[in-house]
Amino acid sequence: MSDQKCNIIKTAGDMFFRLGIRSVSIDDICHELGMSKKTFYVYFESKDELVAQLLHANVAYIAGKMEELLQMRDFRKLVVRFLKHQETEKNDVRRVPQLVYDLKKYYPQQFAQFQRNCFKTQKEYIRRYLEMGQQAGLVRANLNIELVAGLFAKIHSDAIRDIEEIEGHGYNMHQFGYTVMDVFVRGVLSEEGLKVYN
């Protein structure tokens, strides 16, 4: 991907995170970048395509953060970092209610694809986390890893879709993510793992 295309995606992403997708036009993005619409259309056929590329980049960002955690090679530290990540992550589209609302209402196809990609990515990394934990003796040996990884990913996927309802009950996505992760971790750990976690 060219530097210019990356710059457009990054700038548009920053604007979308601040203002929402619906309220930011192609003209606004071009003005922010100091470029003509003609140049914009060299890289993107439409705002729909830009949104799809931005979501693709966001899934890659999420995967990169998860891969970073796996490189620690220490399941104990990984769990602590993962929980902190749930509390502090701000660059994940799934954590911004206005973005999710705009996507669901105005870009349903891109949103549905984004959900599928997030589910697939999250399931794969959770599976790998759990395998690492089993090897360390901190995750229950009899755990059905494939099923549990799918269940966890599904909870997160559904939470994205139902973000307004979650927030309507007085919770934000950071609280929700941390609580789900805490319950999940306690459910998969062995007795030794729970001692460490507690």
Protein backbone atom coordinates (compact mmCIF):
# COMPACT_ATOMS: atom_id res chain seq x y z
CA MET A 1 0.00 0.00 0.00
CA SER A 2 1.39 3.42 -0.96
CA ASP A 3 2.34 6.03 1.64
CA GLN A 4 -0.29 8.39 0.26
CA LYS A 5 -3.05 5.79 0.59
CA CYS A 6 -1.96 5.00 4.16
CA ASN A 7 -1.96 8.71 4.95
CA ILE A 8 -5.52 9.11 3.65
CA ILE A 9 -6.71 6.14 5.73
CA LYS A 10 -4.94 7.43 8.86
CA THR A 11 -6.24 10.98 8.47
CA ALA A 12 -9.78 9.83 7.71
CA GLY A 13 -9.59 7.43 10.67
CA ASP A 14 -8.53 10.23 13.04
CA MET A 15 -11.43 12.36 11.81
CA PHE A 16 -13.94 9.51 12.04
CA PHE A 17 -12.85 8.73 15.61
CA ARG A 18 -13.31 12.37 16.62
CA LEU A 19 -16.43 13.28 14.66
CA GLY A 20 -18.12 10.07 13.50
CA ILE A 21 -18.16 8.70 9.97
CA ARG A 22 -21.42 10.22 8.78
CA SER A 23 -20.43 13.80 9.59
CA VAL A 24 -17.08 13.66 7.74
CA SER A 25 -17.26 14.11 3.96
CA ILE A 26 -14.67 13.39 1.29
CA ASP A 27 -14.32 17.17 0.94
CA ASP A 28 -13.49 17.41 4.66
CA ILE A 29 -10.83 14.70 4.34
CA CYS A 30 -9.30 16.33 1.26
CA HIS A 31 -9.25 19.73 2.98
CA GLU A 32 -7.55 18.21 6.04
CA LEU A 33 -4.91 16.61 3.80
CA GLY A 34 -4.53 19.60 1.47
CA MET A 35 -5.29 17.42 -1.56
CA SER A 36 -7.77 17.58 -4.40
CA LYS A 37 -10.74 15.25 -4.72
CA LYS A 38 -9.22 14.12 -8.00
CA THR A 39 -6.18 12.82 -6.08
CA PHE A 40 -8.44 11.17 -3.50
CA TYR A 41 -10.24 9.25 -6.25
CA VAL A 42 -6.93 7.91 -7.55
CA TYR A 43 -6.78 5.84 -4.34
CA PHE A 44 -10.45 5.25 -3.48
CA GLU A 45 -13.50 4.92 -5.71
CA SER A 46 -15.83 6.15 -2.97
CA LYS A 47 -16.22 6.85 0.73
CA ASP A 48 -17.65 3.32 1.03
CA GLU A 49 -14.35 1.89 -0.19
CA LEU A 50 -12.41 4.15 2.18
CA VAL A 51 -14.52 2.93 5.12
CA ALA A 52 -13.95 -0.71 4.08
CA GLN A 53 -10.17 -0.13 3.86
CA LEU A 54 -10.15 1.65 7.23
CA LEU A 55 -11.95 -1.29 8.86
CA HIS A 56 -9.53 -3.72 7.22
CA ALA A 57 -6.64 -1.68 8.65
CA ASN A 58 -8.31 -1.70 12.09
CA VAL A 59 -8.55 -5.52 12.08
CA ALA A 60 -4.84 -5.61 11.16
CA TYR A 61 -4.14 -3.24 14.07
CA ILE A 62 -6.08 -5.50 16.48
CA ALA A 63 -4.19 -8.56 15.18
CA GLY A 64 -0.88 -6.73 15.60
CA LYS A 65 -1.65 -5.93 19.25
CA MET A 66 -2.61 -9.57 19.90
CA GLU A 67 0.52 -10.83 18.17
CA GLU A 68 2.57 -8.46 20.34
CA LEU A 69 1.11 -10.08 23.44
CA LEU A 70 1.88 -13.58 22.18
CA GLN A 71 5.53 -12.66 21.70
CA MET A 72 5.85 -12.27 25.47
CA ARG A 73 6.00 -16.09 25.77
CA ASP A 74 4.95 -15.79 29.42
CA PHE A 75 1.29 -16.59 29.99
CA ARG A 76 1.18 -14.82 33.37
CA LYS A 77 2.45 -11.54 31.96
CA LEU A 78 0.26 -11.99 28.91
CA VAL A 79 -2.93 -12.18 31.00
CA VAL A 80 -1.99 -9.05 32.97
CA ARG A 81 -1.17 -7.11 29.79
CA PHE A 82 -4.34 -8.33 28.06
CA LEU A 83 -6.48 -7.10 30.96
CA LYS A 84 -4.72 -3.72 30.94
CA HIS A 85 -5.22 -3.56 27.19
CA GLN A 86 -8.97 -4.05 27.72
CA GLU A 87 -9.01 -1.01 30.00
CA THR A 88 -6.84 1.37 28.00
CA GLU A 89 -7.26 0.56 24.29
CA LYS A 90 -8.53 3.61 22.40
CA ASN A 91 -7.70 2.89 18.74
CA ASP A 92 -10.14 0.03 18.26
CA VAL A 93 -13.23 0.94 16.21
CA ARG A 94 -15.27 -1.44 18.39
CA ARG A 95 -14.72 0.84 21.42
CA VAL A 96 -16.25 3.98 19.87
CA PRO A 97 -20.07 3.97 20.04
CA GLN A 98 -20.51 6.75 17.45
CA LEU A 99 -18.42 4.85 14.91
CA VAL A 100 -20.29 1.61 15.53
CA TYR A 101 -23.63 3.42 15.24
CA ASP A 102 -22.64 5.04 11.92
CA LEU A 103 -21.31 1.75 10.56
CA LYS A 104 -24.45 -0.19 11.46
CA LYS A 105 -26.78 2.44 10.04
CA TYR A 106 -24.95 3.72 6.96
CA TYR A 107 -22.38 1.02 6.10
CA PRO A 108 -24.07 -2.28 7.05
CA GLN A 109 -22.14 -4.42 4.54
CA GLN A 110 -18.77 -3.09 5.66
CA PHE A 111 -19.83 -3.48 9.30
CA ALA A 112 -20.93 -7.10 8.79
CA GLN A 113 -17.59 -7.92 7.11
CA PHE A 114 -15.72 -6.14 9.91
CA GLN A 115 -17.55 -8.24 12.52
CA ARG A 116 -16.71 -11.46 10.65
CA ASN A 117 -13.04 -10.47 10.39
CA CYS A 118 -12.86 -9.48 14.08
CA PHE A 119 -14.47 -12.76 15.11
CA LYS A 120 -12.05 -14.82 13.03
CA THR A 121 -9.00 -12.87 14.24
CA GLN A 122 -9.99 -12.89 17.90
CA LYS A 123 -10.87 -16.59 17.89
CA GLU A 124 -7.49 -17.49 16.42
CA TYR A 125 -5.51 -15.47 18.97
CA ILE A 126 -7.57 -16.62 21.96
CA ARG A 127 -6.98 -20.21 20.82
CA ARG A 128 -3.23 -19.56 20.75
CA TYR A 129 -3.31 -17.83 24.17
CA LEU A 130 -5.12 -20.82 25.69
CA GLU A 131 -2.70 -23.31 24.16
CA MET A 132 0.19 -21.33 25.66
CA GLY A 133 -1.58 -21.37 29.03
CA GLN A 134 -2.12 -25.13 28.86
CA GLN A 135 1.56 -25.68 28.13
CA ALA A 136 2.40 -23.58 31.20
CA GLY A 137 -0.04 -25.63 33.33
CA LEU A 138 -2.11 -22.53 34.10
CA VAL A 139 -5.12 -23.32 31.87
CA ARG A 140 -7.29 -26.36 32.57
CA ALA A 141 -6.01 -29.40 30.67
CA ASN A 142 -9.53 -30.67 29.87
CA LEU A 143 -10.64 -27.36 28.30
CA ASN A 144 -12.16 -27.53 24.81
CA ILE A 145 -9.98 -24.74 23.45
CA GLU A 146 -11.67 -24.45 20.06
CA LEU A 147 -15.12 -24.11 21.60
CA VAL A 148 -14.05 -21.66 24.32
CA ALA A 149 -12.13 -19.47 21.85
CA GLY A 150 -15.21 -19.35 19.60
CA LEU A 151 -17.47 -18.51 22.54
CA PHE A 152 -15.26 -15.66 23.72
CA ALA A 153 -14.96 -14.24 20.20
CA LYS A 154 -18.74 -14.49 19.76
CA ILE A 155 -19.39 -12.55 22.99
CA HIS A 156 -17.16 -9.75 21.74
CA SER A 157 -18.69 -9.83 18.27
CA ASP A 158 -22.21 -9.55 19.67
CA ALA A 159 -21.10 -6.77 22.02
CA ILE A 160 -20.02 -4.66 19.04
CA ARG A 161 -23.46 -5.06 17.50
CA ASP A 162 -25.26 -4.30 20.79
CA ILE A 163 -23.06 -1.45 22.02
CA GLU A 164 -25.99 0.98 22.40
CA GLU A 165 -27.84 -1.48 24.62
CA ILE A 166 -24.75 -2.08 26.78
CA GLU A 167 -24.21 1.66 27.19
CA GLY A 168 -27.94 2.13 27.82
CA HIS A 169 -27.46 0.05 30.98
CA GLY A 170 -24.76 2.43 32.17
CA TYR A 171 -21.64 0.52 31.08
CA ASN A 172 -18.99 1.50 28.56
CA MET A 173 -17.09 -0.85 26.25
CA HIS A 174 -13.95 -0.63 28.38
CA GLN A 175 -15.82 -1.81 31.48
CA PHE A 176 -17.60 -4.47 29.46
CA GLY A 177 -14.38 -5.75 27.86
CA TYR A 178 -12.52 -5.88 31.17
CA THR A 179 -15.36 -7.68 32.97
CA VAL A 180 -15.84 -10.24 30.19
CA MET A 181 -12.11 -10.89 30.15
CA ASP A 182 -11.95 -11.27 33.96
CA VAL A 183 -14.84 -13.79 33.98
CA PHE A 184 -13.37 -15.61 30.99
CA VAL A 185 -9.89 -15.88 32.51
CA ARG A 186 -11.23 -17.18 35.82
CA GLY A 187 -13.28 -19.79 33.96
CA VAL A 188 -10.39 -21.25 31.96
CA LEU A 189 -7.62 -21.30 34.54
CA SER A 190 -6.42 -24.36 36.41
CA GLU A 191 -6.16 -24.26 40.21
CA GLU A 192 -2.53 -23.22 39.87
CA GLY A 193 -3.51 -20.59 37.32
CA LEU A 194 -6.13 -19.14 39.68
CA LYS A 195 -3.56 -18.86 42.48
CA VAL A 196 -1.32 -16.90 40.16
CA TYR A 197 -4.18 -14.77 38.86
CA ASN A 198 -5.53 -13.94 42.31
